[in-house]
């Protein structure tokens, strides 16, 4: 990008380099910290948790439908939470859909809360660090 400058104005040499030197450049140790504090993708975590919980509910219902274990957990109680659920093949499909929906909601919410807590914590620590650096500002005037 070319800057339009009047010929009688002085242009500082290496102004772009000087501007970049004032910003701290991430070092090799900083990349690990940047990855550790990177936000979690809410949609991706929601989809992952939803797929796992939906498939788990489907498999558990299918196994109970096939084998009918005598001393198994009472899966019929899930009908109190998931409308249309029953221990049958149709109920396994309904459980899959409800598992996808509730798992996605839970995963999205967990990622949202995690990102909020990490962002707030980083902001507080950064503000405390900047405050500590400028605490004796008036002593130098």
N, C-alpha and C. Protein backbone atom coordinates (compact mmCIF):
# COMPACT_ATOMS: atom_id res chain seq x y z
N UNK A 1 0.84 -1.17 0.00
CA UNK A 1 0.00 0.00 0.00
C UNK A 1 0.89 1.23 0.00
N UNK A 2 0.64 2.13 -0.92
CA UNK A 2 1.46 3.32 -1.06
C UNK A 2 0.78 4.48 -0.34
N UNK A 3 1.58 5.20 0.45
CA UNK A 3 1.04 6.34 1.18
C UNK A 3 1.28 7.60 0.36
N UNK A 4 0.27 8.45 0.34
CA UNK A 4 0.41 9.73 -0.33
C UNK A 4 0.89 10.74 0.69
N UNK A 5 2.07 11.31 0.44
CA UNK A 5 2.67 12.24 1.39
C UNK A 5 3.10 13.48 0.63
N UNK A 6 2.88 14.59 1.26
CA UNK A 6 3.36 15.82 0.62
C UNK A 6 4.88 15.80 0.59
N UNK A 7 5.49 16.35 -0.45
CA UNK A 7 6.96 16.28 -0.56
C UNK A 7 7.69 17.03 0.54
N UNK A 8 7.10 18.06 1.13
CA UNK A 8 7.82 18.82 2.15
C UNK A 8 7.64 18.22 3.55
N UNK A 9 6.83 17.16 3.70
CA UNK A 9 6.67 16.52 5.00
C UNK A 9 7.74 15.47 5.20
N UNK A 10 8.35 15.45 6.37
CA UNK A 10 9.34 14.40 6.61
C UNK A 10 8.65 13.06 6.88
N UNK A 11 9.15 12.03 6.26
CA UNK A 11 8.62 10.69 6.46
C UNK A 11 9.63 9.93 7.31
N UNK A 12 9.23 9.47 8.48
CA UNK A 12 10.18 8.73 9.31
C UNK A 12 10.55 7.40 8.66
N UNK A 13 11.85 7.14 8.67
CA UNK A 13 12.31 5.88 8.10
C UNK A 13 11.98 4.73 9.05
N UNK A 14 11.69 3.62 8.49
CA UNK A 14 11.40 2.39 9.25
C UNK A 14 10.23 2.57 10.22
N UNK A 15 9.27 3.41 9.85
CA UNK A 15 8.15 3.63 10.77
C UNK A 15 7.33 2.35 10.95
N UNK A 16 7.21 1.57 9.89
CA UNK A 16 6.47 0.31 10.00
C UNK A 16 7.21 -0.66 10.92
N UNK A 17 8.53 -0.72 10.78
CA UNK A 17 9.31 -1.61 11.63
C UNK A 17 9.24 -1.17 13.08
N UNK A 18 9.30 0.14 13.33
CA UNK A 18 9.23 0.64 14.68
C UNK A 18 7.87 0.33 15.31
N UNK A 19 6.80 0.44 14.53
CA UNK A 19 5.48 0.14 15.05
C UNK A 19 5.38 -1.34 15.43
N UNK A 20 5.97 -2.23 14.66
CA UNK A 20 5.92 -3.65 14.97
C UNK A 20 6.83 -4.02 16.14
N UNK A 21 7.89 -3.25 16.36
CA UNK A 21 8.78 -3.54 17.47
C UNK A 21 8.13 -3.24 18.82
N UNK A 22 7.18 -2.33 18.85
CA UNK A 22 6.55 -2.01 20.12
C UNK A 22 5.59 -3.10 20.57
N UNK A 23 5.05 -3.88 19.63
CA UNK A 23 4.17 -4.98 19.99
C UNK A 23 4.99 -6.19 20.40
N UNK A 24 4.63 -6.82 21.50
CA UNK A 24 5.37 -8.04 21.87
C UNK A 24 5.05 -9.17 20.90
N UNK A 25 6.09 -9.81 20.42
CA UNK A 25 5.93 -10.92 19.50
C UNK A 25 5.85 -12.22 20.30
N UNK A 26 4.93 -13.12 19.94
CA UNK A 26 4.83 -14.38 20.68
C UNK A 26 6.06 -15.24 20.46
N UNK A 27 6.60 -15.77 21.56
CA UNK A 27 7.76 -16.64 21.49
C UNK A 27 7.32 -18.09 21.43
N UNK A 28 8.29 -19.01 21.50
CA UNK A 28 7.94 -20.43 21.42
C UNK A 28 7.12 -20.90 22.62
N UNK A 29 7.34 -20.32 23.79
CA UNK A 29 6.58 -20.71 24.97
C UNK A 29 5.18 -20.11 24.96
N UNK A 30 5.00 -18.99 24.26
CA UNK A 30 3.70 -18.33 24.23
C UNK A 30 2.69 -19.09 23.39
N UNK A 31 3.14 -19.85 22.40
CA UNK A 31 2.18 -20.56 21.55
C UNK A 31 1.42 -21.61 22.36
N UNK A 32 2.08 -22.21 23.33
CA UNK A 32 1.40 -23.18 24.18
C UNK A 32 0.33 -22.49 25.03
N UNK A 33 0.66 -21.32 25.56
CA UNK A 33 -0.30 -20.57 26.36
C UNK A 33 -1.46 -20.08 25.50
N UNK A 34 -1.17 -19.66 24.26
CA UNK A 34 -2.25 -19.22 23.38
C UNK A 34 -3.19 -20.36 23.05
N UNK A 35 -2.65 -21.56 22.87
CA UNK A 35 -3.52 -22.71 22.60
C UNK A 35 -4.30 -23.13 23.84
N UNK A 36 -3.70 -22.99 25.01
CA UNK A 36 -4.37 -23.40 26.25
C UNK A 36 -5.55 -22.48 26.56
N UNK A 37 -5.42 -21.21 26.24
CA UNK A 37 -6.48 -20.25 26.54
C UNK A 37 -7.34 -19.92 25.34
N UNK A 38 -7.19 -20.65 24.26
CA UNK A 38 -8.02 -20.42 23.07
C UNK A 38 -9.46 -20.81 23.36
N UNK A 39 -10.41 -20.09 22.80
CA UNK A 39 -11.81 -20.43 23.06
C UNK A 39 -12.19 -21.76 22.41
N UNK A 40 -13.08 -22.47 23.06
CA UNK A 40 -13.59 -23.74 22.55
C UNK A 40 -14.74 -23.42 21.60
N UNK A 41 -14.78 -24.10 20.46
CA UNK A 41 -15.85 -23.90 19.51
C UNK A 41 -17.15 -24.50 20.06
N UNK A 42 -18.12 -23.64 20.32
CA UNK A 42 -19.37 -24.08 20.97
C UNK A 42 -20.14 -25.05 20.09
N UNK A 43 -20.23 -24.76 18.80
CA UNK A 43 -20.99 -25.63 17.92
C UNK A 43 -20.33 -27.00 17.80
N UNK A 44 -19.03 -27.05 17.69
CA UNK A 44 -18.33 -28.33 17.55
C UNK A 44 -18.48 -29.18 18.81
N UNK A 45 -18.32 -28.57 19.98
CA UNK A 45 -18.48 -29.34 21.21
C UNK A 45 -19.92 -29.79 21.38
N UNK A 46 -20.87 -28.95 21.01
CA UNK A 46 -22.27 -29.32 21.09
C UNK A 46 -22.60 -30.50 20.19
N UNK A 47 -22.09 -30.48 18.97
CA UNK A 47 -22.33 -31.59 18.05
C UNK A 47 -21.69 -32.87 18.56
N UNK A 48 -20.46 -32.76 19.05
CA UNK A 48 -19.76 -33.95 19.54
C UNK A 48 -20.48 -34.58 20.74
N UNK A 49 -20.86 -33.76 21.70
CA UNK A 49 -21.56 -34.29 22.88
C UNK A 49 -22.93 -34.81 22.48
N UNK A 50 -23.60 -34.13 21.56
CA UNK A 50 -24.91 -34.57 21.11
C UNK A 50 -24.86 -35.92 20.41
N UNK A 51 -23.89 -36.11 19.53
CA UNK A 51 -23.77 -37.39 18.81
C UNK A 51 -23.47 -38.51 19.79
N UNK A 52 -22.55 -38.28 20.71
CA UNK A 52 -22.18 -39.33 21.67
C UNK A 52 -23.36 -39.68 22.57
N UNK A 53 -24.05 -38.67 23.09
CA UNK A 53 -25.17 -38.97 24.00
C UNK A 53 -26.35 -39.59 23.25
N UNK A 54 -26.62 -39.16 22.03
CA UNK A 54 -27.69 -39.75 21.25
C UNK A 54 -27.41 -41.20 20.90
N UNK A 55 -26.18 -41.47 20.47
CA UNK A 55 -25.83 -42.86 20.16
C UNK A 55 -25.82 -43.73 21.41
N UNK A 56 -25.38 -43.18 22.52
CA UNK A 56 -25.38 -43.96 23.77
C UNK A 56 -26.80 -44.32 24.18
N UNK A 57 -27.71 -43.38 24.09
CA UNK A 57 -29.10 -43.65 24.44
C UNK A 57 -29.72 -44.66 23.47
N UNK A 58 -29.38 -44.54 22.20
CA UNK A 58 -29.88 -45.49 21.21
C UNK A 58 -29.37 -46.90 21.50
N UNK A 59 -28.07 -47.03 21.75
CA UNK A 59 -27.48 -48.36 21.98
C UNK A 59 -28.02 -48.98 23.26
N UNK A 60 -28.13 -48.21 24.31
CA UNK A 60 -28.65 -48.75 25.58
C UNK A 60 -30.10 -49.22 25.41
N UNK A 61 -30.90 -48.43 24.71
CA UNK A 61 -32.29 -48.83 24.48
C UNK A 61 -32.36 -50.06 23.58
N UNK A 62 -31.53 -50.12 22.55
CA UNK A 62 -31.53 -51.27 21.65
C UNK A 62 -31.10 -52.54 22.39
N UNK A 63 -30.09 -52.43 23.25
CA UNK A 63 -29.65 -53.60 24.01
C UNK A 63 -30.73 -54.07 24.97
N UNK A 64 -31.45 -53.15 25.59
CA UNK A 64 -32.55 -53.53 26.48
C UNK A 64 -33.71 -54.14 25.70
N UNK A 65 -33.91 -53.68 24.48
CA UNK A 65 -34.97 -54.24 23.65
C UNK A 65 -34.61 -55.66 23.21
N UNK A 66 -33.36 -55.89 22.85
CA UNK A 66 -32.93 -57.21 22.36
C UNK A 66 -32.85 -58.25 23.48
N UNK A 67 -32.18 -57.89 24.57
CA UNK A 67 -31.85 -58.90 25.58
C UNK A 67 -32.79 -58.90 26.78
N UNK A 68 -33.50 -57.84 27.04
CA UNK A 68 -34.42 -57.73 28.18
C UNK A 68 -33.80 -58.27 29.48
N UNK A 69 -32.75 -57.61 29.96
CA UNK A 69 -32.10 -58.09 31.19
C UNK A 69 -33.06 -57.99 32.39
N UNK A 70 -32.93 -58.97 33.28
CA UNK A 70 -33.86 -59.05 34.42
C UNK A 70 -33.61 -57.95 35.46
N UNK A 71 -32.36 -57.72 35.81
CA UNK A 71 -32.06 -56.74 36.86
C UNK A 71 -31.45 -55.47 36.27
N UNK A 72 -32.04 -54.96 35.20
CA UNK A 72 -31.54 -53.77 34.52
C UNK A 72 -32.14 -52.50 35.13
N UNK A 73 -31.55 -51.40 34.77
CA UNK A 73 -32.07 -50.11 35.22
C UNK A 73 -33.44 -49.87 34.57
N UNK A 74 -34.33 -49.18 35.26
CA UNK A 74 -35.66 -48.92 34.68
C UNK A 74 -35.61 -47.78 33.66
N UNK A 75 -35.34 -48.13 32.42
CA UNK A 75 -35.24 -47.11 31.36
C UNK A 75 -36.58 -46.46 31.05
N UNK A 76 -37.67 -47.07 31.47
CA UNK A 76 -38.98 -46.51 31.21
C UNK A 76 -39.13 -45.13 31.85
N UNK A 77 -38.35 -44.87 32.88
CA UNK A 77 -38.43 -43.57 33.56
C UNK A 77 -37.94 -42.42 32.68
N UNK A 78 -37.17 -42.74 31.65
CA UNK A 78 -36.72 -41.67 30.74
C UNK A 78 -37.89 -41.04 30.00
N UNK A 79 -39.02 -41.74 29.93
CA UNK A 79 -40.21 -41.17 29.29
C UNK A 79 -40.72 -39.96 30.07
N UNK A 80 -40.35 -39.83 31.33
CA UNK A 80 -40.74 -38.66 32.12
C UNK A 80 -40.02 -37.40 31.63
N UNK A 81 -38.85 -37.57 31.03
CA UNK A 81 -38.06 -36.44 30.54
C UNK A 81 -38.16 -36.29 29.03
N UNK A 82 -38.19 -37.40 28.30
CA UNK A 82 -38.17 -37.37 26.84
C UNK A 82 -39.54 -37.79 26.31
N UNK A 83 -40.27 -36.86 25.75
CA UNK A 83 -41.60 -37.13 25.25
C UNK A 83 -41.54 -38.16 24.12
N UNK A 84 -42.35 -39.21 24.22
CA UNK A 84 -42.41 -40.23 23.19
C UNK A 84 -41.46 -41.38 23.38
N UNK A 85 -40.62 -41.34 24.42
CA UNK A 85 -39.64 -42.39 24.63
C UNK A 85 -40.30 -43.61 25.26
N UNK A 86 -39.89 -44.78 24.82
CA UNK A 86 -40.26 -46.05 25.43
C UNK A 86 -39.18 -47.06 25.11
N UNK A 87 -39.15 -48.14 25.82
CA UNK A 87 -38.12 -49.16 25.58
C UNK A 87 -38.60 -50.04 24.43
N UNK A 88 -38.33 -49.58 23.21
CA UNK A 88 -38.68 -50.29 21.99
C UNK A 88 -37.77 -49.74 20.88
N UNK A 89 -37.93 -50.28 19.67
CA UNK A 89 -37.11 -49.77 18.56
C UNK A 89 -37.53 -48.35 18.20
N UNK A 90 -38.82 -48.08 18.25
CA UNK A 90 -39.27 -46.71 18.00
C UNK A 90 -38.74 -45.79 19.11
N UNK A 91 -38.76 -46.26 20.33
CA UNK A 91 -38.23 -45.49 21.46
C UNK A 91 -36.73 -45.27 21.35
N UNK A 92 -36.03 -46.22 20.73
CA UNK A 92 -34.58 -46.04 20.53
C UNK A 92 -34.32 -44.89 19.57
N UNK A 93 -35.14 -44.78 18.52
CA UNK A 93 -34.99 -43.66 17.58
C UNK A 93 -35.37 -42.33 18.24
N UNK A 94 -36.44 -42.35 19.03
CA UNK A 94 -36.83 -41.14 19.76
C UNK A 94 -35.74 -40.76 20.75
N UNK A 95 -35.16 -41.76 21.42
CA UNK A 95 -34.06 -41.50 22.35
C UNK A 95 -32.83 -40.94 21.65
N UNK A 96 -32.58 -41.43 20.43
CA UNK A 96 -31.47 -40.89 19.64
C UNK A 96 -31.68 -39.40 19.37
N UNK A 97 -32.88 -39.03 18.96
CA UNK A 97 -33.17 -37.62 18.67
C UNK A 97 -33.10 -36.76 19.94
N UNK A 98 -33.70 -37.25 21.02
CA UNK A 98 -33.64 -36.50 22.27
C UNK A 98 -32.20 -36.40 22.80
N UNK A 99 -31.43 -37.47 22.63
CA UNK A 99 -30.03 -37.45 23.05
C UNK A 99 -29.22 -36.44 22.25
N UNK A 100 -29.48 -36.37 20.94
CA UNK A 100 -28.81 -35.38 20.11
C UNK A 100 -29.14 -33.96 20.57
N UNK A 101 -30.42 -33.73 20.83
CA UNK A 101 -30.86 -32.38 21.22
C UNK A 101 -30.31 -31.98 22.58
N UNK A 102 -30.49 -32.83 23.57
CA UNK A 102 -30.03 -32.47 24.91
C UNK A 102 -28.50 -32.46 25.00
N UNK A 103 -27.85 -33.37 24.29
CA UNK A 103 -26.39 -33.39 24.28
C UNK A 103 -25.81 -32.15 23.63
N UNK A 104 -26.43 -31.73 22.50
CA UNK A 104 -25.96 -30.50 21.85
C UNK A 104 -26.12 -29.31 22.79
N UNK A 105 -27.28 -29.22 23.44
CA UNK A 105 -27.51 -28.10 24.36
C UNK A 105 -26.51 -28.10 25.51
N UNK A 106 -26.27 -29.28 26.07
CA UNK A 106 -25.32 -29.37 27.18
C UNK A 106 -23.90 -29.04 26.73
N UNK A 107 -23.47 -29.56 25.60
CA UNK A 107 -22.12 -29.28 25.11
C UNK A 107 -21.93 -27.81 24.77
N UNK A 108 -22.93 -27.20 24.12
CA UNK A 108 -22.85 -25.79 23.77
C UNK A 108 -22.75 -24.94 25.03
N UNK A 109 -23.56 -25.26 26.04
CA UNK A 109 -23.57 -24.50 27.28
C UNK A 109 -22.25 -24.65 28.03
N UNK A 110 -21.70 -25.85 28.07
CA UNK A 110 -20.41 -26.07 28.75
C UNK A 110 -19.31 -25.27 28.06
N UNK A 111 -19.29 -25.27 26.72
CA UNK A 111 -18.27 -24.50 26.00
C UNK A 111 -18.46 -23.00 26.24
N UNK A 112 -19.70 -22.54 26.27
CA UNK A 112 -19.97 -21.13 26.51
C UNK A 112 -19.47 -20.71 27.89
N UNK A 113 -19.80 -21.49 28.91
CA UNK A 113 -19.37 -21.17 30.27
C UNK A 113 -17.84 -21.22 30.38
N UNK A 114 -17.22 -22.24 29.77
CA UNK A 114 -15.76 -22.36 29.82
C UNK A 114 -15.11 -21.14 29.16
N UNK A 115 -15.61 -20.73 27.99
CA UNK A 115 -15.04 -19.57 27.30
C UNK A 115 -15.24 -18.30 28.11
N UNK A 116 -16.40 -18.17 28.75
CA UNK A 116 -16.66 -16.99 29.57
C UNK A 116 -15.73 -16.93 30.78
N UNK A 117 -15.54 -18.06 31.45
CA UNK A 117 -14.67 -18.10 32.63
C UNK A 117 -13.22 -17.82 32.24
N UNK A 118 -12.76 -18.42 31.15
CA UNK A 118 -11.37 -18.21 30.73
C UNK A 118 -11.16 -16.76 30.30
N UNK A 119 -12.09 -16.19 29.55
CA UNK A 119 -11.94 -14.80 29.11
C UNK A 119 -11.96 -13.84 30.30
N UNK A 120 -12.83 -14.09 31.26
CA UNK A 120 -12.89 -13.23 32.45
C UNK A 120 -11.61 -13.35 33.27
N UNK A 121 -11.12 -14.57 33.42
CA UNK A 121 -9.89 -14.78 34.20
C UNK A 121 -8.70 -14.11 33.53
N UNK A 122 -8.58 -14.26 32.21
CA UNK A 122 -7.47 -13.63 31.49
C UNK A 122 -7.58 -12.11 31.59
N UNK A 123 -8.79 -11.58 31.47
CA UNK A 123 -8.98 -10.13 31.59
C UNK A 123 -8.58 -9.62 32.97
N UNK A 124 -8.97 -10.34 34.02
CA UNK A 124 -8.64 -9.92 35.38
C UNK A 124 -7.13 -9.96 35.61
N UNK A 125 -6.48 -11.04 35.18
CA UNK A 125 -5.02 -11.13 35.37
C UNK A 125 -4.29 -10.08 34.55
N UNK A 126 -4.77 -9.82 33.34
CA UNK A 126 -4.12 -8.80 32.50
C UNK A 126 -4.29 -7.42 33.13
N UNK A 127 -5.48 -7.13 33.65
CA UNK A 127 -5.72 -5.84 34.29
C UNK A 127 -4.87 -5.68 35.54
N UNK A 128 -4.74 -6.76 36.33
CA UNK A 128 -3.90 -6.68 37.52
C UNK A 128 -2.44 -6.47 37.15
N UNK A 129 -1.97 -7.11 36.09
CA UNK A 129 -0.59 -6.93 35.65
C UNK A 129 -0.33 -5.52 35.17
N UNK A 130 -1.27 -4.96 34.39
CA UNK A 130 -1.10 -3.59 33.92
C UNK A 130 -1.17 -2.60 35.08
N UNK A 131 -2.01 -2.88 36.05
CA UNK A 131 -2.09 -2.01 37.22
C UNK A 131 -0.80 -2.06 38.04
N UNK A 132 -0.22 -3.23 38.16
CA UNK A 132 1.04 -3.37 38.89
C UNK A 132 2.17 -2.63 38.17
N UNK A 133 2.15 -2.61 36.84
CA UNK A 133 3.19 -1.89 36.09
C UNK A 133 3.06 -0.39 36.20
N UNK A 134 1.87 0.12 36.39
CA UNK A 134 1.67 1.57 36.45
C UNK A 134 1.41 2.08 37.86
N UNK A 135 1.61 1.25 38.86
CA UNK A 135 1.32 1.64 40.24
C UNK A 135 2.17 2.83 40.70
N UNK A 136 3.42 2.87 40.31
CA UNK A 136 4.31 3.95 40.75
C UNK A 136 4.46 5.02 39.67
N UNK A 137 3.45 5.20 38.84
CA UNK A 137 3.51 6.17 37.74
C UNK A 137 3.72 7.59 38.25
N UNK A 138 3.01 7.99 39.27
CA UNK A 138 3.11 9.36 39.76
C UNK A 138 4.43 9.64 40.47
N UNK A 139 5.14 8.61 40.89
CA UNK A 139 6.43 8.82 41.53
C UNK A 139 7.49 9.30 40.54
N UNK A 140 7.29 9.08 39.25
CA UNK A 140 8.29 9.45 38.24
C UNK A 140 8.00 10.81 37.62
N UNK A 141 6.95 11.45 38.05
CA UNK A 141 6.63 12.77 37.46
C UNK A 141 7.34 13.85 38.21
